[in-house]
Amino acid sequence: MTESDINLLEGLRKQSSKAQQQMLERYGNDVFAQVARLIPGLENAEEVYQDVFIKVFRNINMYDAEKSTLKTWISRIAYNESISFLRHKNAPVIYYEDREGEAEKLSETEVETTFGQPNQETVQLIRAALKHLPPDEQAIITMFYYEEMSLKEIAYVTESIPTTVASKLSRTRKKLYKIIKMLQS
């Protein structure tokens, strides 16, 4: 941990408004991007974003540098707040369900062709397709591709283990591939 991180943590633990402002400047954009990818509607995303930092500031004493980086710890809170918000939201959402198991039959090579070097059109299709996935699957895809988190970091955020995350990521990528193909047709 760097000297500035140690100073930031000390200030946060003393509930210094300067330290809180510094944290918002350092991590605010990333947290908002993470939340906004999962939460529909700007107002809802802003509400969850605020809830995340309220929880961060209230629970800063629970942060353990031995378990994760500060950024990953905050991501975990953002993930949990986002998923909680979506679960309590009353609007019905229809997700793609692979009832015949067709997505599982796809090879990683076939999927990698789409996700390996995506062009602008593919990126737009991925964004559109993400909306057809359940929130937990959306979160794993966004953490891995948009936030470039490692499987270990995603496992910490989702309270899982890296092998489970890798397996779920593989299944979700295949599902996403099927959704993209449906959107293209």
Protein backbone atom coordinates (compact mmCIF):
# COMPACT_ATOMS: atom_id res chain seq x y z
CA MET A 1 0.00 0.00 0.00
CA THR A 2 1.37 3.41 -0.93
CA GLU A 3 1.92 6.29 1.48
CA SER A 4 -0.98 8.22 -0.10
CA ASP A 5 -3.30 5.21 0.39
CA ILE A 6 -2.29 4.95 4.03
CA ASN A 7 -2.91 8.69 4.54
CA LEU A 8 -6.24 8.43 2.74
CA LEU A 9 -7.34 5.53 4.95
CA GLU A 10 -6.31 7.35 8.10
CA GLY A 11 -8.30 10.40 7.02
CA LEU A 12 -11.33 8.30 6.14
CA ARG A 13 -11.20 6.52 9.49
CA LYS A 14 -11.21 9.95 11.17
CA GLN A 15 -14.19 10.89 8.94
CA SER A 16 -12.26 13.75 7.38
CA SER A 17 -14.31 15.48 4.69
CA LYS A 18 -11.07 16.20 2.80
CA ALA A 19 -10.26 12.48 2.73
CA GLN A 20 -13.81 11.65 1.65
CA GLN A 21 -13.54 14.17 -1.20
CA GLN A 22 -10.17 12.69 -2.16
CA MET A 23 -11.69 9.21 -2.26
CA LEU A 24 -14.55 10.41 -4.46
CA GLU A 25 -12.05 12.01 -6.83
CA ARG A 26 -9.89 8.89 -6.92
CA TYR A 27 -12.58 6.20 -7.22
CA GLY A 28 -15.84 8.00 -8.03
CA ASN A 29 -15.72 7.75 -11.82
CA ASP A 30 -14.89 4.04 -11.78
CA VAL A 31 -17.62 3.28 -9.27
CA PHE A 32 -20.20 5.29 -11.18
CA ALA A 33 -19.26 3.50 -14.42
CA GLN A 34 -19.60 0.12 -12.69
CA VAL A 35 -22.99 1.03 -11.24
CA ALA A 36 -24.29 2.68 -14.43
CA ARG A 37 -23.53 -0.45 -16.47
CA LEU A 38 -25.82 -2.47 -14.21
CA ILE A 39 -28.52 -0.01 -13.16
CA PRO A 40 -30.95 1.27 -15.81
CA GLY A 41 -31.65 4.99 -15.72
CA LEU A 42 -29.32 7.79 -14.70
CA GLU A 43 -31.32 8.76 -11.60
CA ASN A 44 -31.30 5.18 -10.31
CA ALA A 45 -27.57 4.83 -11.01
CA GLU A 46 -26.87 8.08 -9.15
CA GLU A 47 -28.93 6.89 -6.18
CA VAL A 48 -27.02 3.59 -5.98
CA TYR A 49 -23.70 5.44 -6.45
CA GLN A 50 -24.50 7.64 -3.45
CA ASP A 51 -25.52 4.60 -1.41
CA VAL A 52 -22.20 2.95 -2.26
CA PHE A 53 -20.13 5.81 -0.88
CA ILE A 54 -22.32 6.24 2.18
CA LYS A 55 -21.69 2.57 2.92
CA VAL A 56 -17.95 2.95 2.15
CA PHE A 57 -17.60 5.91 4.52
CA ARG A 58 -19.61 4.22 7.28
CA ASN A 59 -17.75 0.92 7.01
CA ILE A 60 -14.20 2.04 6.25
CA ASN A 61 -13.01 0.49 9.51
CA MET A 62 -14.00 -2.92 8.13
CA TYR A 63 -11.61 -2.60 5.17
CA ASP A 64 -8.80 -5.16 5.37
CA ALA A 65 -5.80 -4.46 3.12
CA GLU A 66 -4.72 -8.10 3.54
CA LYS A 67 -7.82 -9.30 1.66
CA SER A 68 -8.02 -6.84 -1.24
CA THR A 69 -7.06 -3.47 -2.59
CA LEU A 70 -9.20 -0.51 -1.60
CA LYS A 71 -10.54 -0.27 -5.15
CA THR A 72 -11.60 -3.93 -5.14
CA TRP A 73 -13.24 -3.54 -1.73
CA ILE A 74 -15.22 -0.55 -3.02
CA SER A 75 -16.14 -2.54 -6.16
CA ARG A 76 -17.54 -5.27 -3.93
CA ILE A 77 -19.77 -2.75 -2.17
CA ALA A 78 -20.84 -1.26 -5.52
CA TYR A 79 -21.63 -4.73 -6.86
CA ASN A 80 -23.68 -5.68 -3.79
CA GLU A 81 -25.58 -2.38 -3.76
CA SER A 82 -26.33 -2.68 -7.49
CA ILE A 83 -27.54 -6.27 -7.26
CA SER A 84 -29.60 -5.42 -4.17
CA PHE A 85 -31.21 -2.48 -5.98
CA LEU A 86 -32.06 -4.64 -9.00
CA ARG A 87 -33.55 -7.39 -6.85
CA HIS A 88 -35.82 -4.92 -5.09
CA LYS A 89 -36.84 -3.16 -8.29
CA ASN A 90 -40.41 -3.96 -9.23
CA ALA A 91 -40.14 -3.63 -13.01
CA PRO A 92 -40.35 -7.01 -14.75
CA VAL A 93 -37.37 -7.81 -16.95
CA ILE A 94 -37.14 -10.67 -19.41
CA TYR A 95 -33.74 -12.29 -19.71
CA TYR A 96 -32.44 -14.65 -22.34
CA GLU A 97 -32.67 -18.22 -21.14
CA ASP A 98 -30.79 -20.98 -22.93
CA ARG A 99 -33.32 -23.77 -22.38
CA GLU A 100 -31.90 -26.17 -24.96
CA GLY A 101 -28.33 -25.70 -23.73
CA GLU A 102 -27.24 -24.47 -27.16
CA ALA A 103 -24.83 -21.92 -25.72
CA GLU A 104 -22.99 -24.61 -23.75
CA LYS A 105 -22.31 -26.49 -27.00
CA LEU A 106 -20.38 -23.56 -28.48
CA SER A 107 -16.61 -23.84 -28.60
CA GLU A 108 -14.42 -21.23 -26.90
CA THR A 109 -12.78 -20.59 -30.29
CA GLU A 110 -16.10 -19.65 -31.86
CA VAL A 111 -16.88 -17.29 -28.97
CA GLU A 112 -13.36 -15.82 -28.97
CA THR A 113 -13.83 -14.86 -32.63
CA THR A 114 -16.52 -12.42 -31.50
CA PHE A 115 -14.93 -11.21 -28.28
CA GLY A 116 -11.23 -11.39 -29.18
CA GLN A 117 -10.78 -8.19 -31.18
CA PRO A 118 -14.18 -6.51 -31.13
CA ASN A 119 -14.82 -3.68 -33.55
CA GLN A 120 -17.21 -0.78 -32.93
CA GLU A 121 -20.20 -2.72 -34.25
CA THR A 122 -19.43 -5.67 -31.98
CA VAL A 123 -19.03 -3.40 -28.96
CA GLN A 124 -22.48 -1.93 -29.66
CA LEU A 125 -23.93 -5.44 -30.01
CA ILE A 126 -22.31 -6.51 -26.73
CA ARG A 127 -23.81 -3.50 -24.96
CA ALA A 128 -27.25 -4.29 -26.38
CA ALA A 129 -26.90 -7.99 -25.55
CA LEU A 130 -25.83 -7.32 -21.95
CA LYS A 131 -29.33 -6.03 -21.22
CA HIS A 132 -30.64 -9.55 -21.85
CA LEU A 133 -28.51 -11.10 -19.11
CA PRO A 134 -29.37 -11.33 -15.41
CA PRO A 135 -27.63 -8.72 -13.22
CA ASP A 136 -25.02 -11.09 -11.80
CA GLU A 137 -23.94 -12.17 -15.30
CA GLN A 138 -23.90 -8.56 -16.51
CA ALA A 139 -21.66 -7.73 -13.56
CA ILE A 140 -19.14 -10.47 -14.30
CA ILE A 141 -18.88 -9.46 -17.97
CA THR A 142 -18.47 -5.77 -17.13
CA MET A 143 -15.91 -6.41 -14.39
CA PHE A 144 -13.85 -8.66 -16.66
CA TYR A 145 -14.04 -6.67 -19.92
CA TYR A 146 -14.74 -3.07 -18.97
CA GLU A 147 -12.97 -2.85 -15.62
CA GLU A 148 -10.30 -5.42 -16.56
CA MET A 149 -10.48 -7.10 -13.17
CA SER A 150 -8.74 -10.43 -12.62
CA LEU A 151 -10.70 -13.58 -11.84
CA LYS A 152 -9.38 -13.35 -8.27
CA GLU A 153 -10.67 -9.77 -7.90
CA ILE A 154 -14.05 -10.69 -9.39
CA ALA A 155 -14.23 -13.65 -7.01
CA TYR A 156 -13.62 -11.32 -4.08
CA VAL A 157 -16.26 -8.85 -5.28
CA THR A 158 -18.86 -11.57 -5.89
CA GLU A 159 -17.91 -13.56 -2.80
CA SER A 160 -17.00 -16.60 -4.88
CA ILE A 161 -13.83 -18.44 -5.90
CA PRO A 162 -11.77 -17.84 -9.08
CA THR A 163 -12.58 -21.24 -10.65
CA THR A 164 -16.30 -20.62 -10.22
CA VAL A 165 -15.93 -17.15 -11.74
CA ALA A 166 -13.97 -18.59 -14.69
CA SER A 167 -16.67 -21.19 -15.29
CA LYS A 168 -19.48 -18.64 -15.01
CA LEU A 169 -17.59 -16.23 -17.28
CA SER A 170 -17.21 -18.93 -19.92
CA ARG A 171 -20.91 -19.84 -19.78
CA THR A 172 -21.96 -16.19 -19.82
CA ARG A 173 -19.72 -15.41 -22.80
CA LYS A 174 -21.36 -18.24 -24.72
CA LYS A 175 -24.79 -16.99 -23.74
CA LEU A 176 -23.83 -13.47 -24.79
CA TYR A 177 -22.59 -14.83 -28.11
CA LYS A 178 -26.00 -16.48 -28.74
CA ILE A 179 -27.80 -13.24 -27.86
CA ILE A 180 -25.57 -11.27 -30.27
CA LYS A 181 -26.32 -13.76 -33.05
CA MET A 182 -30.06 -13.36 -32.32
CA LEU A 183 -29.75 -9.56 -32.40
CA GLN A 184 -27.91 -9.71 -35.73
CA SER A 185 -30.60 -11.82 -37.38
